[in-house]
């Protein structure tokens, strides 16, 4: 656990006591990414077949807790708290199949894209 604290005291007509406490817990956090790319290419005479695959994953977790104490002269003290629990779990997959036939006088190209 990492606790960051600081205090600001302003002295003018009023005394302001601002005391935030930021609690970040790195033992409960992670940030992992994985990407893969695979290509299969086969040529048989005038025929060419290409199969392309792409995969990406991202796992991310971050927790944050911020507590703030405000103390103004002549006013009651106030305490504010903000907590954040951010979790991202993203997976992307893509595949593409290409077929090509060509000779001296004719060229055929077909593409199929699927997510």
PDB file of N, CA and C in Angstrom:
ATOM      1  N   UNK A   1       0.846  -1.164   0.000  1.00  0.00           N
ATOM      2  CA  UNK A   1       0.000   0.000   0.000  1.00  0.00           C
ATOM      3  C   UNK A   1       0.893   1.230   0.000  1.00  0.00           C
ATOM      4  N   UNK A   2       0.568   2.197  -0.843  1.00  0.00           N
ATOM      5  CA  UNK A   2       1.271   3.469  -0.912  1.00  0.00           C
ATOM      6  C   UNK A   2       0.306   4.546  -0.475  1.00  0.00           C
ATOM      7  N   UNK A   3       0.677   5.295   0.537  1.00  0.00           N
ATOM      8  CA  UNK A   3      -0.167   6.398   1.006  1.00  0.00           C
ATOM      9  C   UNK A   3       0.600   7.685   0.775  1.00  0.00           C
ATOM     10  N   UNK A   4      -0.025   8.581   0.038  1.00  0.00           N
ATOM     11  CA  UNK A   4       0.567   9.881  -0.248  1.00  0.00           C
ATOM     12  C   UNK A   4      -0.253  10.914   0.507  1.00  0.00           C
ATOM     13  N   UNK A   5       0.397  11.697   1.338  1.00  0.00           N
ATOM     14  CA  UNK A   5      -0.326  12.717   2.080  1.00  0.00           C
ATOM     15  C   UNK A   5       0.460  14.021   2.039  1.00  0.00           C
ATOM     16  N   UNK A   6      -0.254  15.115   1.963  1.00  0.00           N
ATOM     17  CA  UNK A   6       0.373  16.423   2.064  1.00  0.00           C
ATOM     18  C   UNK A   6      -0.633  17.377   2.658  1.00  0.00           C
ATOM     19  N   UNK A   7      -0.147  18.479   3.184  1.00  0.00           N
ATOM     20  CA  UNK A   7      -1.012  19.425   3.863  1.00  0.00           C
ATOM     21  C   UNK A   7      -0.683  20.825   3.389  1.00  0.00           C
ATOM     22  N   UNK A   8      -1.717  21.562   3.025  1.00  0.00           N
ATOM     23  CA  UNK A   8      -1.565  22.954   2.622  1.00  0.00           C
ATOM     24  C   UNK A   8      -2.273  23.822   3.646  1.00  0.00           C
ATOM     25  N   UNK A   9      -1.584  24.798   4.162  1.00  0.00           N
ATOM     26  CA  UNK A   9      -2.202  25.733   5.090  1.00  0.00           C
ATOM     27  C   UNK A   9      -2.035  27.133   4.500  1.00  0.00           C
ATOM     28  N   UNK A  10      -3.153  27.789   4.214  1.00  0.00           N
ATOM     29  CA  UNK A  10      -3.154  29.143   3.679  1.00  0.00           C
ATOM     30  C   UNK A  10      -3.527  30.092   4.812  1.00  0.00           C
ATOM     31  N   UNK A  11      -2.806  31.165   4.939  1.00  0.00           N
ATOM     32  CA  UNK A  11      -3.119  32.139   5.975  1.00  0.00           C
ATOM     33  C   UNK A  11      -3.439  33.470   5.305  1.00  0.00           C
ATOM     34  N   UNK A  12      -4.706  33.789   5.292  1.00  0.00           N
ATOM     35  CA  UNK A  12      -5.156  35.096   4.814  1.00  0.00           C
ATOM     36  C   UNK A  12      -6.146  35.584   5.864  1.00  0.00           C
ATOM     37  N   UNK A  13      -7.319  35.967   5.444  1.00  0.00           N
ATOM     38  CA  UNK A  13      -8.347  36.336   6.421  1.00  0.00           C
ATOM     39  C   UNK A  13      -8.863  35.091   7.119  1.00  0.00           C
ATOM     40  N   UNK A  14      -8.823  33.951   6.417  1.00  0.00           N
ATOM     41  CA  UNK A  14      -9.263  32.693   7.000  1.00  0.00           C
ATOM     42  C   UNK A  14      -8.112  31.701   6.944  1.00  0.00           C
ATOM     43  N   UNK A  15      -8.091  30.800   7.869  1.00  0.00           N
ATOM     44  CA  UNK A  15      -7.122  29.715   7.840  1.00  0.00           C
ATOM     45  C   UNK A  15      -7.807  28.511   7.216  1.00  0.00           C
ATOM     46  N   UNK A  16      -7.171  27.945   6.176  1.00  0.00           N
ATOM     47  CA  UNK A  16      -7.715  26.797   5.469  1.00  0.00           C
ATOM     48  C   UNK A  16      -6.764  25.636   5.676  1.00  0.00           C
ATOM     49  N   UNK A  17      -7.274  24.545   6.140  1.00  0.00           N
ATOM     50  CA  UNK A  17      -6.474  23.340   6.336  1.00  0.00           C
ATOM     51  C   UNK A  17      -6.968  22.296   5.339  1.00  0.00           C
ATOM     52  N   UNK A  18      -6.140  21.986   4.330  1.00  0.00           N
ATOM     53  CA  UNK A  18      -6.485  21.037   3.257  1.00  0.00           C
ATOM     54  C   UNK A  18      -5.562  19.837   3.392  1.00  0.00           C
ATOM     55  N   UNK A  19      -6.110  18.668   3.685  1.00  0.00           N
ATOM     56  CA  UNK A  19      -5.289  17.491   3.953  1.00  0.00           C
ATOM     57  C   UNK A  19      -5.826  16.293   3.161  1.00  0.00           C
ATOM     58  N   UNK A  20      -5.328  16.071   1.922  1.00  0.00           N
ATOM     59  CA  UNK A  20      -5.766  14.886   1.173  1.00  0.00           C
ATOM     60  C   UNK A  20      -4.880  13.678   1.494  1.00  0.00           C
ATOM     61  N   UNK A  21      -5.485  12.507   1.505  1.00  0.00           N
ATOM     62  CA  UNK A  21      -4.754  11.247   1.657  1.00  0.00           C
ATOM     63  C   UNK A  21      -5.088  10.395   0.443  1.00  0.00           C
ATOM     64  N   UNK A  22      -4.076  10.025  -0.331  1.00  0.00           N
ATOM     65  CA  UNK A  22      -4.258   9.221  -1.544  1.00  0.00           C
ATOM     66  C   UNK A  22      -3.705   7.833  -1.263  1.00  0.00           C
ATOM     67  N   UNK A  23      -4.558   6.844  -1.338  1.00  0.00           N
ATOM     68  CA  UNK A  23      -4.173   5.462  -1.047  1.00  0.00           C
ATOM     69  C   UNK A  23      -4.198   4.669  -2.355  1.00  0.00           C
ATOM     70  N   UNK A  24      -3.032   4.250  -2.821  1.00  0.00           N
ATOM     71  CA  UNK A  24      -2.903   3.425  -4.020  1.00  0.00           C
ATOM     72  C   UNK A  24      -2.325   2.087  -3.588  1.00  0.00           C
ATOM     73  N   UNK A  25      -2.968   1.005  -3.960  1.00  0.00           N
ATOM     74  CA  UNK A  25      -2.555  -0.326  -3.512  1.00  0.00           C
ATOM     75  C   UNK A  25      -1.948  -1.098  -4.682  1.00  0.00           C
ATOM     76  N   UNK A  26      -0.614  -1.023  -4.886  1.00  0.00           N
ATOM     77  CA  UNK A  26      -0.010  -1.687  -6.047  1.00  0.00           C
ATOM     78  C   UNK A  26      -0.058  -3.211  -5.976  1.00  0.00           C
ATOM     79  N   UNK A  27      -0.210  -3.786  -4.792  1.00  0.00           N
ATOM     80  CA  UNK A  27      -0.266  -5.247  -4.721  1.00  0.00           C
ATOM     81  C   UNK A  27      -1.558  -5.804  -5.310  1.00  0.00           C
ATOM     82  N   UNK A  28      -2.581  -4.983  -5.448  1.00  0.00           N
ATOM     83  CA  UNK A  28      -3.848  -5.412  -6.040  1.00  0.00           C
ATOM     84  C   UNK A  28      -4.009  -4.940  -7.477  1.00  0.00           C
ATOM     85  N   UNK A  29      -2.926  -4.430  -8.091  1.00  0.00           N
ATOM     86  CA  UNK A  29      -3.008  -3.897  -9.441  1.00  0.00           C
ATOM     87  C   UNK A  29      -2.214  -4.762 -10.402  1.00  0.00           C
ATOM     88  N   UNK A  30      -2.644  -4.753 -11.667  1.00  0.00           N
ATOM     89  CA  UNK A  30      -1.888  -5.439 -12.715  1.00  0.00           C
ATOM     90  C   UNK A  30      -2.162  -4.781 -14.053  1.00  0.00           C
ATOM     91  N   UNK A  31      -1.228  -4.969 -14.976  1.00  0.00           N
ATOM     92  CA  UNK A  31      -1.331  -4.428 -16.329  1.00  0.00           C
ATOM     93  C   UNK A  31      -0.621  -5.421 -17.258  1.00  0.00           C
ATOM     94  N   UNK A  32      -1.388  -6.267 -17.933  1.00  0.00           N
ATOM     95  CA  UNK A  32      -0.832  -7.315 -18.789  1.00  0.00           C
ATOM     96  C   UNK A  32      -1.392  -7.179 -20.208  1.00  0.00           C
ATOM     97  N   UNK A  33      -0.522  -7.355 -21.186  1.00  0.00           N
ATOM     98  CA  UNK A  33      -0.930  -7.329 -22.587  1.00  0.00           C
ATOM     99  C   UNK A  33      -0.287  -8.505 -23.312  1.00  0.00           C
ATOM    100  N   UNK A  34      -1.013  -9.050 -24.294  1.00  0.00           N
ATOM    101  CA  UNK A  34      -0.481 -10.127 -25.122  1.00  0.00           C
ATOM    102  C   UNK A  34      -0.994  -9.939 -26.539  1.00  0.00           C
ATOM    103  N   UNK A  35      -0.087  -9.997 -27.520  1.00  0.00           N
ATOM    104  CA  UNK A  35      -0.441  -9.882 -28.934  1.00  0.00           C
ATOM    105  C   UNK A  35       0.185 -11.051 -29.689  1.00  0.00           C
ATOM    106  N   UNK A  36      -0.576 -11.619 -30.612  1.00  0.00           N
ATOM    107  CA  UNK A  36      -0.036 -12.695 -31.455  1.00  0.00           C
ATOM    108  C   UNK A  36      -0.473 -12.464 -32.896  1.00  0.00           C
ATOM    109  N   UNK A  37       0.370 -12.918 -33.808  1.00  0.00           N
ATOM    110  CA  UNK A  37       0.133 -12.743 -35.240  1.00  0.00           C
ATOM    111  C   UNK A  37       0.591 -14.015 -35.937  1.00  0.00           C
ATOM    112  N   UNK A  38      -0.276 -14.611 -36.736  1.00  0.00           N
ATOM    113  CA  UNK A  38       0.021 -15.861 -37.423  1.00  0.00           C
ATOM    114  C   UNK A  38      -0.387 -15.735 -38.886  1.00  0.00           C
ATOM    115  N   UNK A  39       0.512 -16.134 -39.786  1.00  0.00           N
ATOM    116  CA  UNK A  39       0.240 -16.077 -41.228  1.00  0.00           C
ATOM    117  C   UNK A  39       0.554 -17.438 -41.826  1.00  0.00           C
ATOM    118  N   UNK A  40      -0.389 -17.933 -42.626  1.00  0.00           N
ATOM    119  CA  UNK A  40      -0.180 -19.159 -43.398  1.00  0.00           C
ATOM    120  C   UNK A  40      -0.298 -18.788 -44.873  1.00  0.00           C
ATOM    121  N   UNK A  41       0.731 -19.081 -45.647  1.00  0.00           N
ATOM    122  CA  UNK A  41       0.759 -18.725 -47.070  1.00  0.00           C
ATOM    123  C   UNK A  41       1.114 -19.976 -47.865  1.00  0.00           C
ATOM    124  N   UNK A  42       0.249 -20.342 -48.811  1.00  0.00           N
ATOM    125  CA  UNK A  42       0.461 -21.545 -49.620  1.00  0.00           C
ATOM    126  C   UNK A  42       0.258 -21.207 -51.091  1.00  0.00           C
ATOM    127  N   UNK A  43       1.226 -21.589 -51.919  1.00  0.00           N
ATOM    128  CA  UNK A  43       1.141 -21.340 -53.357  1.00  0.00           C
ATOM    129  C   UNK A  43       1.222 -22.681 -54.080  1.00  0.00           C
ATOM    130  N   UNK A  44       0.228 -22.923 -54.938  1.00  0.00           N
ATOM    131  CA  UNK A  44       0.169 -24.127 -55.765  1.00  0.00           C
ATOM    132  C   UNK A  44      -0.043 -23.698 -57.208  1.00  0.00           C
ATOM    133  N   UNK A  45       1.014 -23.653 -57.967  1.00  0.00           N
ATOM    134  CA  UNK A  45       0.912 -23.241 -59.370  1.00  0.00           C
ATOM    135  C   UNK A  45       0.437 -21.812 -59.482  1.00  0.00           C
ATOM    136  N   UNK A  46      -0.721 -21.612 -60.137  1.00  0.00           N
ATOM    137  CA  UNK A  46      -1.298 -20.281 -60.311  1.00  0.00           C
ATOM    138  C   UNK A  46      -2.182 -19.864 -59.138  1.00  0.00           C
ATOM    139  N   UNK A  47      -2.356 -20.743 -58.155  1.00  0.00           N
ATOM    140  CA  UNK A  47      -3.239 -20.480 -57.008  1.00  0.00           C
ATOM    141  C   UNK A  47      -2.396 -20.065 -55.803  1.00  0.00           C
ATOM    142  N   UNK A  48      -2.878 -19.033 -55.106  1.00  0.00           N
ATOM    143  CA  UNK A  48      -2.197 -18.567 -53.893  1.00  0.00           C
ATOM    144  C   UNK A  48      -3.241 -18.364 -52.796  1.00  0.00           C
ATOM    145  N   UNK A  49      -3.027 -18.993 -51.635  1.00  0.00           N
ATOM    146  CA  UNK A  49      -3.937 -18.895 -50.495  1.00  0.00           C
ATOM    147  C   UNK A  49      -3.159 -18.327 -49.305  1.00  0.00           C
ATOM    148  N   UNK A  50      -3.692 -17.269 -48.704  1.00  0.00           N
ATOM    149  CA  UNK A  50      -3.061 -16.640 -47.536  1.00  0.00           C
ATOM    150  C   UNK A  50      -4.102 -16.525 -46.433  1.00  0.00           C
ATOM    151  N   UNK A  51      -3.745 -17.005 -45.241  1.00  0.00           N
ATOM    152  CA  UNK A  51      -4.619 -16.932 -44.075  1.00  0.00           C
ATOM    153  C   UNK A  51      -3.870 -16.166 -42.986  1.00  0.00           C
ATOM    154  N   UNK A  52      -4.446 -15.054 -42.526  1.00  0.00           N
ATOM    155  CA  UNK A  52      -3.816 -14.182 -41.544  1.00  0.00           C
ATOM    156  C   UNK A  52      -4.682 -14.114 -40.294  1.00  0.00           C
ATOM    157  N   UNK A  53      -4.051 -14.256 -39.116  1.00  0.00           N
ATOM    158  CA  UNK A  53      -4.757 -14.211 -37.837  1.00  0.00           C
ATOM    159  C   UNK A  53      -4.056 -13.234 -36.900  1.00  0.00           C
ATOM    160  N   UNK A  54      -4.842 -12.495 -36.149  1.00  0.00           N
ATOM    161  CA  UNK A  54      -4.306 -11.556 -35.169  1.00  0.00           C
ATOM    162  C   UNK A  54      -5.142 -11.653 -33.900  1.00  0.00           C
ATOM    163  N   UNK A  55      -4.472 -11.703 -32.750  1.00  0.00           N
ATOM    164  CA  UNK A  55      -5.145 -11.794 -31.457  1.00  0.00           C
ATOM    165  C   UNK A  55      -4.464 -10.838 -30.485  1.00  0.00           C
ATOM    166  N   UNK A  56      -5.268 -10.096 -29.731  1.00  0.00           N
ATOM    167  CA  UNK A  56      -4.744  -9.173 -28.720  1.00  0.00           C
ATOM    168  C   UNK A  56      -5.601  -9.260 -27.469  1.00  0.00           C
ATOM    169  N   UNK A  57      -4.937  -9.286 -26.325  1.00  0.00           N
ATOM    170  CA  UNK A  57      -5.644  -9.248 -25.044  1.00  0.00           C
ATOM    171  C   UNK A  57      -4.986  -8.201 -24.153  1.00  0.00           C
ATOM    172  N   UNK A  58      -5.794  -7.586 -23.320  1.00  0.00           N
ATOM    173  CA  UNK A  58      -5.299  -6.592 -22.359  1.00  0.00           C
ATOM    174  C   UNK A  58      -6.073  -6.787 -21.074  1.00  0.00           C
ATOM    175  N   UNK A  59      -5.343  -6.946 -19.987  1.00  0.00           N
ATOM    176  CA  UNK A  59      -5.934  -7.075 -18.653  1.00  0.00           C
ATOM    177  C   UNK A  59      -5.328  -5.962 -17.795  1.00  0.00           C
ATOM    178  N   UNK A  60      -6.198  -5.168 -17.154  1.00  0.00           N
ATOM    179  CA  UNK A  60      -5.733  -4.014 -16.384  1.00  0.00           C
ATOM    180  C   UNK A  60      -6.630  -3.842 -15.165  1.00  0.00           C
ATOM    181  N   UNK A  61      -6.004  -3.612 -14.009  1.00  0.00           N
ATOM    182  CA  UNK A  61      -6.763  -3.353 -12.789  1.00  0.00           C
ATOM    183  C   UNK A  61      -6.013  -2.308 -11.974  1.00  0.00           C
ATOM    184  N   UNK A  62      -6.754  -1.300 -11.502  1.00  0.00           N
ATOM    185  CA  UNK A  62      -6.172  -0.242 -10.687  1.00  0.00           C
ATOM    186  C   UNK A  62      -7.198   0.201  -9.650  1.00  0.00           C
ATOM    187  N   UNK A  63      -6.761   0.302  -8.408  1.00  0.00           N
ATOM    188  CA  UNK A  63      -7.601   0.785  -7.315  1.00  0.00           C
ATOM    189  C   UNK A  63      -7.011   2.078  -6.781  1.00  0.00           C
ATOM    190  N   UNK A  64      -7.881   3.020  -6.465  1.00  0.00           N
ATOM    191  CA  UNK A  64      -7.429   4.293  -5.925  1.00  0.00           C
ATOM    192  C   UNK A  64      -8.449   4.770  -4.904  1.00  0.00           C
ATOM    193  N   UNK A  65      -7.968   5.311  -3.806  1.00  0.00           N
ATOM    194  CA  UNK A  65      -8.826   5.821  -2.743  1.00  0.00           C
ATOM    195  C   UNK A  65      -8.278   7.173  -2.300  1.00  0.00           C
ATOM    196  N   UNK A  66      -9.089   8.235  -2.440  1.00  0.00           N
ATOM    197  CA  UNK A  66      -8.659   9.583  -2.086  1.00  0.00           C
ATOM    198  C   UNK A  66      -9.619  10.127  -1.036  1.00  0.00           C
ATOM    199  N   UNK A  67      -9.078  10.474   0.123  1.00  0.00           N
ATOM    200  CA  UNK A  67      -9.864  11.089   1.189  1.00  0.00           C
ATOM    201  C   UNK A  67      -9.334  12.492   1.416  1.00  0.00           C
ATOM    202  N   UNK A  68     -10.233  13.465   1.562  1.00  0.00           N
ATOM    203  CA  UNK A  68      -9.835  14.862   1.723  1.00  0.00           C
ATOM    204  C   UNK A  68     -10.548  15.446   2.940  1.00  0.00           C
ATOM    205  N   UNK A  69      -9.777  16.092   3.804  1.00  0.00           N
ATOM    206  CA  UNK A  69     -10.314  16.792   4.960  1.00  0.00           C
ATOM    207  C   UNK A  69     -10.139  18.285   4.733  1.00  0.00           C
ATOM    208  N   UNK A  70     -11.253  19.035   4.719  1.00  0.00           N
ATOM    209  CA  UNK A  70     -11.222  20.493   4.575  1.00  0.00           C
ATOM    210  C   UNK A  70     -11.661  21.102   5.896  1.00  0.00           C
ATOM    211  N   UNK A  71     -10.856  22.037   6.396  1.00  0.00           N
ATOM    212  CA  UNK A  71     -11.147  22.677   7.668  1.00  0.00           C
ATOM    213  C   UNK A  71     -10.983  24.180   7.493  1.00  0.00           C
ATOM    214  N   UNK A  72     -12.098  24.900   7.329  1.00  0.00           N
ATOM    215  CA  UNK A  72     -12.086  26.352   7.190  1.00  0.00           C
ATOM    216  C   UNK A  72     -12.397  26.978   8.546  1.00  0.00           C
ATOM    217  N   UNK A  73     -11.768  28.103   8.834  1.00  0.00           N
ATOM    218  CA  UNK A  73     -12.071  28.806  10.087  1.00  0.00           C
ATOM    219  C   UNK A  73     -13.528  29.233  10.103  1.00  0.00           C
ATOM    220  N   UNK A  74     -14.185  28.989  11.207  1.00  0.00           N
ATOM    221  CA  UNK A  74     -15.576  29.404  11.371  1.00  0.00           C
ATOM    222  C   UNK A  74     -16.578  28.475  10.717  1.00  0.00           C
ATOM    223  N   UNK A  75     -16.135  27.372  10.112  1.00  0.00           N
ATOM    224  CA  UNK A  75     -17.039  26.413   9.470  1.00  0.00           C
ATOM    225  C   UNK A  75     -16.713  25.016   9.982  1.00  0.00           C
ATOM    226  N   UNK A  76     -17.702  24.142   9.977  1.00  0.00           N
ATOM    227  CA  UNK A  76     -17.396  22.775  10.408  1.00  0.00           C
ATOM    228  C   UNK A  76     -16.497  22.066   9.386  1.00  0.00           C
ATOM    229  N   UNK A  77     -15.670  21.184   9.880  1.00  0.00           N
ATOM    230  CA  UNK A  77     -14.768  20.414   9.004  1.00  0.00           C
ATOM    231  C   UNK A  77     -15.583  19.476   8.121  1.00  0.00           C
ATOM    232  N   UNK A  78     -15.139  19.322   6.880  1.00  0.00           N
ATOM    233  CA  UNK A  78     -15.802  18.393   5.959  1.00  0.00           C
ATOM    234  C   UNK A  78     -14.793  17.339   5.515  1.00  0.00           C
ATOM    235  N   UNK A  79     -15.316  16.167   5.295  1.00  0.00           N
ATOM    236  CA  UNK A  79     -14.489  15.037   4.877  1.00  0.00           C
ATOM    237  C   UNK A  79     -15.109  14.460   3.607  1.00  0.00           C
ATOM    238  N   UNK A  80     -14.349  14.439   2.509  1.00  0.00           N
ATOM    239  CA  UNK A  80     -14.800  13.880   1.236  1.00  0.00           C
ATOM    240  C   UNK A  80     -13.955  12.661   0.904  1.00  0.00           C
ATOM    241  N   UNK A  81     -14.592  11.672   0.281  1.00  0.00           N
ATOM    242  CA  UNK A  81     -13.879  10.455  -0.105  1.00  0.00           C
ATOM    243  C   UNK A  81     -14.271  10.089  -1.525  1.00  0.00           C
ATOM    244  N   UNK A  82     -13.265   9.743  -2.333  1.00  0.00           N
ATOM    245  CA  UNK A  82     -13.480   9.276  -3.701  1.00  0.00           C
ATOM    246  C   UNK A  82     -12.717   7.972  -3.861  1.00  0.00           C
ATOM    247  N   UNK A  83     -13.414   6.929  -4.277  1.00  0.00           N
ATOM    248  CA  UNK A  83     -12.774   5.630  -4.503  1.00  0.00           C
ATOM    249  C   UNK A  83     -13.034   5.196  -5.937  1.00  0.00           C
ATOM    250  N   UNK A  84     -12.028   4.570  -6.548  1.00  0.00           N
ATOM    251  CA  UNK A  84     -12.118   4.145  -7.934  1.00  0.00           C
ATOM    252  C   UNK A  84     -11.582   2.723  -8.043  1.00  0.00           C
ATOM    253  N   UNK A  85     -12.338   1.863  -8.687  1.00  0.00           N
ATOM    254  CA  UNK A  85     -11.911   0.498  -8.966  1.00  0.00           C
ATOM    255  C   UNK A  85     -12.042   0.292 -10.470  1.00  0.00           C
ATOM    256  N   UNK A  86     -10.933   0.401 -11.196  1.00  0.00           N
ATOM    257  CA  UNK A  86     -10.923   0.347 -12.649  1.00  0.00           C
ATOM    258  C   UNK A  86     -10.439  -1.023 -13.102  1.00  0.00           C
ATOM    259  N   UNK A  87     -11.294  -1.751 -13.814  1.00  0.00           N
ATOM    260  CA  UNK A  87     -10.939  -3.067 -14.350  1.00  0.00           C
ATOM    261  C   UNK A  87     -11.229  -3.068 -15.847  1.00  0.00           C
ATOM    262  N   UNK A  88     -10.218  -3.440 -16.648  1.00  0.00           N
ATOM    263  CA  UNK A  88     -10.384  -3.561 -18.095  1.00  0.00           C
ATOM    264  C   UNK A  88      -9.996  -4.973 -18.509  1.00  0.00           C
ATOM    265  N   UNK A  89     -10.863  -5.608 -19.251  1.00  0.00           N
ATOM    266  CA  UNK A  89     -10.616  -6.957 -19.767  1.00  0.00           C
ATOM    267  C   UNK A  89     -11.015  -6.943 -21.244  1.00  0.00           C
ATOM    268  N   UNK A  90     -10.023  -6.763 -22.124  1.00  0.00           N
ATOM    269  CA  UNK A  90     -10.278  -6.562 -23.550  1.00  0.00           C
ATOM    270  C   UNK A  90      -9.655  -7.713 -24.333  1.00  0.00           C
ATOM    271  N   UNK A  91     -10.440  -8.293 -25.244  1.00  0.00           N
ATOM    272  CA  UNK A  91      -9.943  -9.340 -26.140  1.00  0.00           C
ATOM    273  C   UNK A  91     -10.395  -9.025 -27.560  1.00  0.00           C
ATOM    274  N   UNK A  92      -9.436  -8.986 -28.482  1.00  0.00           N
ATOM    275  CA  UNK A  92      -9.729  -8.725 -29.895  1.00  0.00           C
ATOM    276  C   UNK A  92      -9.180  -9.865 -30.742  1.00  0.00           C
ATOM    277  N   UNK A  93      -9.984 -10.323 -31.695  1.00  0.00           N
ATOM    278  CA  UNK A  93      -9.570 -11.387 -32.611  1.00  0.00           C
ATOM    279  C   UNK A  93      -9.939 -10.976 -34.030  1.00  0.00           C
ATOM    280  N   UNK A  94      -9.047 -11.253 -34.961  1.00  0.00           N
ATOM    281  CA  UNK A  94      -9.321 -10.974 -36.371  1.00  0.00           C
ATOM    282  C   UNK A  94      -8.683 -12.069 -37.211  1.00  0.00           C
ATOM    283  N   UNK A  95      -9.399 -12.476 -38.251  1.00  0.00           N
ATOM    284  CA  UNK A  95      -8.864 -13.452 -39.194  1.00  0.00           C
ATOM    285  C   UNK A  95      -9.225 -13.005 -40.602  1.00  0.00           C
ATOM    286  N   UNK A  96      -8.361 -13.296 -41.540  1.00  0.00           N
ATOM    287  CA  UNK A  96      -8.583 -12.892 -42.927  1.00  0.00           C
ATOM    288  C   UNK A  96      -8.083 -14.003 -43.833  1.00  0.00           C
ATOM    289  N   UNK A  97      -8.872 -14.321 -44.848  1.00  0.00           N
ATOM    290  CA  UNK A  97      -8.532 -15.353 -45.819  1.00  0.00           C
ATOM    291  C   UNK A  97      -8.505 -14.721 -47.208  1.00  0.00           C
ATOM    292  N   UNK A  98      -7.377 -14.863 -47.893  1.00  0.00           N
ATOM    293  CA  UNK A  98      -7.207 -14.333 -49.246  1.00  0.00           C
ATOM    294  C   UNK A  98      -6.923 -15.486 -50.213  1.00  0.00           C
ATOM    295  N   UNK A  99      -7.619 -15.441 -51.354  1.00  0.00           N
ATOM    296  CA  UNK A  99      -7.368 -16.407 -52.428  1.00  0.00           C
ATOM    297  C   UNK A  99      -7.066 -15.618 -53.692  1.00  0.00           C
ATOM    298  N   UNK A 100      -6.042 -16.046 -54.403  1.00  0.00           N
ATOM    299  CA  UNK A 100      -5.668 -15.354 -55.640  1.00  0.00           C
ATOM    300  C   UNK A 100      -5.338 -16.394 -56.715  1.00  0.00           C
ATOM    301  N   UNK A 101      -5.927 -16.186 -57.892  1.00  0.00           N
ATOM    302  CA  UNK A 101      -5.609 -16.992 -59.064  1.00  0.00           C
ATOM    303  C   UNK A 101      -5.126 -16.034 -60.147  1.00  0.00           C
ATOM    304  N   UNK A 102      -3.995 -16.339 -60.717  1.00  0.00           N
ATOM    305  CA  UNK A 102      -3.496 -15.454 -61.774  1.00  0.00           C
ATOM    306  C   UNK A 102      -2.742 -16.261 -62.823  1.00  0.00           C
ATOM    307  N   UNK A 103      -2.907 -15.839 -64.065  1.00  0.00           N
ATOM    308  CA  UNK A 103      -2.079 -16.326 -65.172  1.00  0.00           C
ATOM    309  C   UNK A 103      -1.768 -15.101 -66.035  1.00  0.00           C
ATOM    310  N   UNK A 104      -1.258 -15.295 -67.203  1.00  0.00           N
ATOM    311  CA  UNK A 104      -0.828 -14.170 -68.033  1.00  0.00           C
ATOM    312  C   UNK A 104      -1.981 -13.271 -68.483  1.00  0.00           C
ATOM    313  N   UNK A 105      -3.203 -13.830 -68.628  1.00  0.00           N
ATOM    314  CA  UNK A 105      -4.300 -13.061 -69.195  1.00  0.00           C
ATOM    315  C   UNK A 105      -5.420 -12.769 -68.195  1.00  0.00           C
ATOM    316  N   UNK A 106      -5.412 -13.411 -67.012  1.00  0.00           N
ATOM    317  CA  UNK A 106      -6.537 -13.284 -66.090  1.00  0.00           C
ATOM    318  C   UNK A 106      -6.009 -13.241 -64.649  1.00  0.00           C
ATOM    319  N   UNK A 107      -6.650 -12.391 -63.819  1.00  0.00           N
ATOM    320  CA  UNK A 107      -6.254 -12.273 -62.415  1.00  0.00           C
ATOM    321  C   UNK A 107      -7.517 -12.201 -61.559  1.00  0.00           C
ATOM    322  N   UNK A 108      -7.647 -13.095 -60.588  1.00  0.00           N
ATOM    323  CA  UNK A 108      -8.801 -13.140 -59.683  1.00  0.00           C
ATOM    324  C   UNK A 108      -8.275 -13.039 -58.260  1.00  0.00           C
ATOM    325  N   UNK A 109      -8.874 -12.122 -57.516  1.00  0.00           N
ATOM    326  CA  UNK A 109      -8.457 -11.925 -56.119  1.00  0.00           C
ATOM    327  C   UNK A 109      -9.696 -11.854 -55.252  1.00  0.00           C
ATOM    328  N   UNK A 110      -9.829 -12.744 -54.263  1.00  0.00           N
ATOM    329  CA  UNK A 110     -10.968 -12.764 -53.336  1.00  0.00           C
ATOM    330  C   UNK A 110     -10.440 -12.580 -51.926  1.00  0.00           C
ATOM    331  N   UNK A 111     -11.162 -11.760 -51.144  1.00  0.00           N
ATOM    332  CA  UNK A 111     -10.752 -11.490 -49.776  1.00  0.00           C
ATOM    333  C   UNK A 111     -11.960 -11.661 -48.870  1.00  0.00           C
ATOM    334  N   UNK A 112     -11.752 -12.338 -47.761  1.00  0.00           N
ATOM    335  CA  UNK A 112     -12.812 -12.512 -46.777  1.00  0.00           C
ATOM    336  C   UNK A 112     -12.261 -12.064 -45.424  1.00  0.00           C
ATOM    337  N   UNK A 113     -12.921 -11.081 -44.813  1.00  0.00           N
ATOM    338  CA  UNK A 113     -12.482 -10.546 -43.529  1.00  0.00           C
ATOM    339  C   UNK A 113     -13.571 -10.829 -42.500  1.00  0.00           C
ATOM    340  N   UNK A 114     -13.189 -11.380 -41.363  1.00  0.00           N
ATOM    341  CA  UNK A 114     -14.168 -11.737 -40.355  1.00  0.00           C
ATOM    342  C   UNK A 114     -13.629 -11.380 -38.982  1.00  0.00           C
ATOM    343  N   UNK A 115     -14.490 -10.782 -38.152  1.00  0.00           N
ATOM    344  CA  UNK A 115     -14.122 -10.437 -36.777  1.00  0.00           C
ATOM    345  C   UNK A 115     -14.942 -11.248 -35.809  1.00  0.00           C
TER     346      UNK A 115
END
